[in-house]
Amino acid sequence: MSIPAEHYAARRAALGSALAEAGVEAWIAYGDDRQFAGADHVRYLSSLQPHFEGALVVGGPETTDIVSGPETVGYAEFACEGAGIDRILPIAELSHPGLAYRSIALTDGAAHLAAALRGARRV
């Protein structure tokens, strides 16, 4: 049995509403395949179960994005199809040091987060 894709958008909307009641205007959920965080936060909100590279679901004032390492992007696009994610981006900060990603354009993750969360006073 699988969870219908539209349920993920409803989960993110419920999270955003609950946080808005507390004065929080944007949120970030992190997940990985390690003991530190585990994959459940990201999986619950997007259907993506991070493996090998960390991933963040970013719920900004105007968009919901996933940022991850470059090797996760194709898997994330498949896993999140229909889940209402606006963008899936590979960020330099989650790439593996010393590896050249010639066919994948890496995004500056810090700059992307600053832009995605612009206008939010509490995250």
Protein backbone atom coordinates (compact mmCIF):
# COMPACT_ATOMS: atom_id res chain seq x y z
CA MET A 1 0.00 0.00 0.00
CA SER A 2 1.40 3.39 -0.92
CA ILE A 3 0.52 6.86 0.28
CA PRO A 4 -1.15 9.00 -2.40
CA ALA A 5 1.14 11.82 -3.55
CA GLU A 6 -1.33 14.57 -2.64
CA HIS A 7 -1.16 13.57 1.04
CA TYR A 8 2.38 14.97 1.28
CA ALA A 9 1.23 18.47 0.33
CA ALA A 10 -1.53 18.20 2.94
CA ARG A 11 1.02 17.20 5.57
CA ARG A 12 3.22 20.18 4.72
CA ALA A 13 0.20 22.50 4.82
CA ALA A 14 -0.78 21.18 8.26
CA LEU A 15 2.78 21.67 9.51
CA GLY A 16 2.88 25.21 8.11
CA SER A 17 -0.47 26.07 9.71
CA ALA A 18 0.54 24.72 13.12
CA LEU A 19 3.84 26.60 13.00
CA ALA A 20 2.13 29.80 11.81
CA GLU A 21 -0.05 29.72 14.93
CA ALA A 22 3.20 29.85 16.91
CA GLY A 23 4.54 32.74 14.81
CA VAL A 24 6.88 30.65 12.65
CA GLU A 25 6.77 31.69 9.00
CA ALA A 26 8.99 29.07 7.35
CA TRP A 27 10.53 25.70 8.22
CA ILE A 28 13.33 23.34 7.27
CA ALA A 29 13.23 19.55 7.74
CA TYR A 30 16.50 17.61 7.47
CA GLY A 31 16.95 13.91 6.87
CA ASP A 32 19.72 11.46 6.12
CA ASP A 33 20.38 7.74 6.36
CA ARG A 34 22.43 8.03 9.52
CA GLN A 35 21.58 7.87 13.20
CA PHE A 36 21.87 11.64 13.56
CA ALA A 37 18.52 12.51 12.03
CA GLY A 38 17.20 9.57 10.07
CA ALA A 39 15.11 9.85 6.96
CA ASP A 40 11.67 10.08 8.53
CA HIS A 41 11.31 13.88 8.63
CA VAL A 42 11.93 14.27 4.92
CA ARG A 43 10.03 11.12 3.98
CA TYR A 44 6.93 12.16 5.94
CA LEU A 45 6.80 15.53 4.17
CA SER A 46 7.79 14.55 0.63
CA SER A 47 7.96 10.77 0.00
CA LEU A 48 11.74 11.03 -0.48
CA GLN A 49 13.70 8.73 1.80
CA PRO A 50 17.23 10.15 1.84
CA HIS A 51 19.94 7.59 1.31
CA PHE A 52 23.65 8.21 0.82
CA GLU A 53 23.26 12.01 0.87
CA GLY A 54 21.37 14.28 3.21
CA ALA A 55 18.33 16.21 2.04
CA LEU A 56 16.31 19.15 3.27
CA VAL A 57 12.68 20.01 2.65
CA VAL A 58 12.40 23.79 2.79
CA GLY A 59 8.95 25.26 3.42
CA GLY A 60 9.39 28.93 2.61
CA PRO A 61 6.78 31.67 2.52
CA GLU A 62 6.16 31.12 -1.21
CA THR A 63 7.65 27.76 -2.22
CA THR A 64 8.50 24.25 -1.07
CA ASP A 65 11.83 22.93 -2.27
CA ILE A 66 14.04 19.95 -1.70
CA VAL A 67 17.77 20.51 -1.65
CA SER A 68 20.13 17.57 -1.59
CA GLY A 69 23.43 16.25 -2.82
CA PRO A 70 23.79 15.94 -6.59
CA GLU A 71 23.43 12.16 -6.72
CA THR A 72 19.98 12.29 -5.10
CA VAL A 73 18.27 14.61 -7.57
CA GLY A 74 17.04 11.99 -10.06
CA TYR A 75 15.77 9.73 -7.30
CA ALA A 76 14.06 12.70 -5.60
CA GLU A 77 12.33 13.71 -8.83
CA PHE A 78 10.94 10.20 -9.16
CA ALA A 79 10.03 9.74 -5.48
CA CYS A 80 8.32 13.13 -5.17
CA GLU A 81 6.36 13.09 -8.41
CA GLY A 82 2.93 14.62 -7.76
CA ALA A 83 3.79 15.55 -4.15
CA GLY A 84 3.70 19.31 -4.82
CA ILE A 85 7.40 20.05 -4.51
CA ASP A 86 8.26 23.21 -6.44
CA ARG A 87 11.97 22.59 -7.03
CA ILE A 88 14.53 19.86 -6.40
CA LEU A 89 18.04 21.25 -6.42
CA PRO A 90 21.53 19.79 -5.94
CA ILE A 91 23.52 22.02 -3.61
CA ALA A 92 27.28 22.29 -3.36
CA GLU A 93 27.21 22.00 0.42
CA LEU A 94 25.90 18.42 0.25
CA SER A 95 28.21 17.22 -2.53
CA HIS A 96 31.07 14.88 -1.78
CA PRO A 97 34.41 16.70 -1.42
CA GLY A 98 36.88 15.94 -4.16
CA LEU A 99 34.33 14.62 -6.67
CA ALA A 100 33.73 16.52 -9.89
CA TYR A 101 30.11 16.67 -11.01
CA ARG A 102 30.65 17.66 -14.64
CA SER A 103 27.08 16.99 -15.78
CA ILE A 104 25.28 18.41 -12.74
CA ALA A 105 25.12 22.14 -12.09
CA LEU A 106 25.45 22.66 -8.35
CA THR A 107 23.53 25.45 -6.65
CA ASP A 108 24.95 27.56 -3.82
CA GLY A 109 22.82 26.13 -1.01
CA ALA A 110 23.30 29.04 1.40
CA ALA A 111 22.24 31.56 -1.25
CA HIS A 112 19.24 29.43 -2.23
CA LEU A 113 18.08 29.09 1.38
CA ALA A 114 18.47 32.84 1.92
CA ALA A 115 16.32 33.51 -1.15
CA ALA A 116 13.73 30.83 -0.36
CA LEU A 117 13.33 32.06 3.22
CA ARG A 118 13.46 35.78 2.40
CA GLY A 119 10.82 37.64 4.32
CA ALA A 120 10.48 35.02 7.04
CA ARG A 121 11.29 36.43 10.46
CA ARG A 122 11.06 33.12 12.31
CA VAL A 123 12.20 29.79 10.85
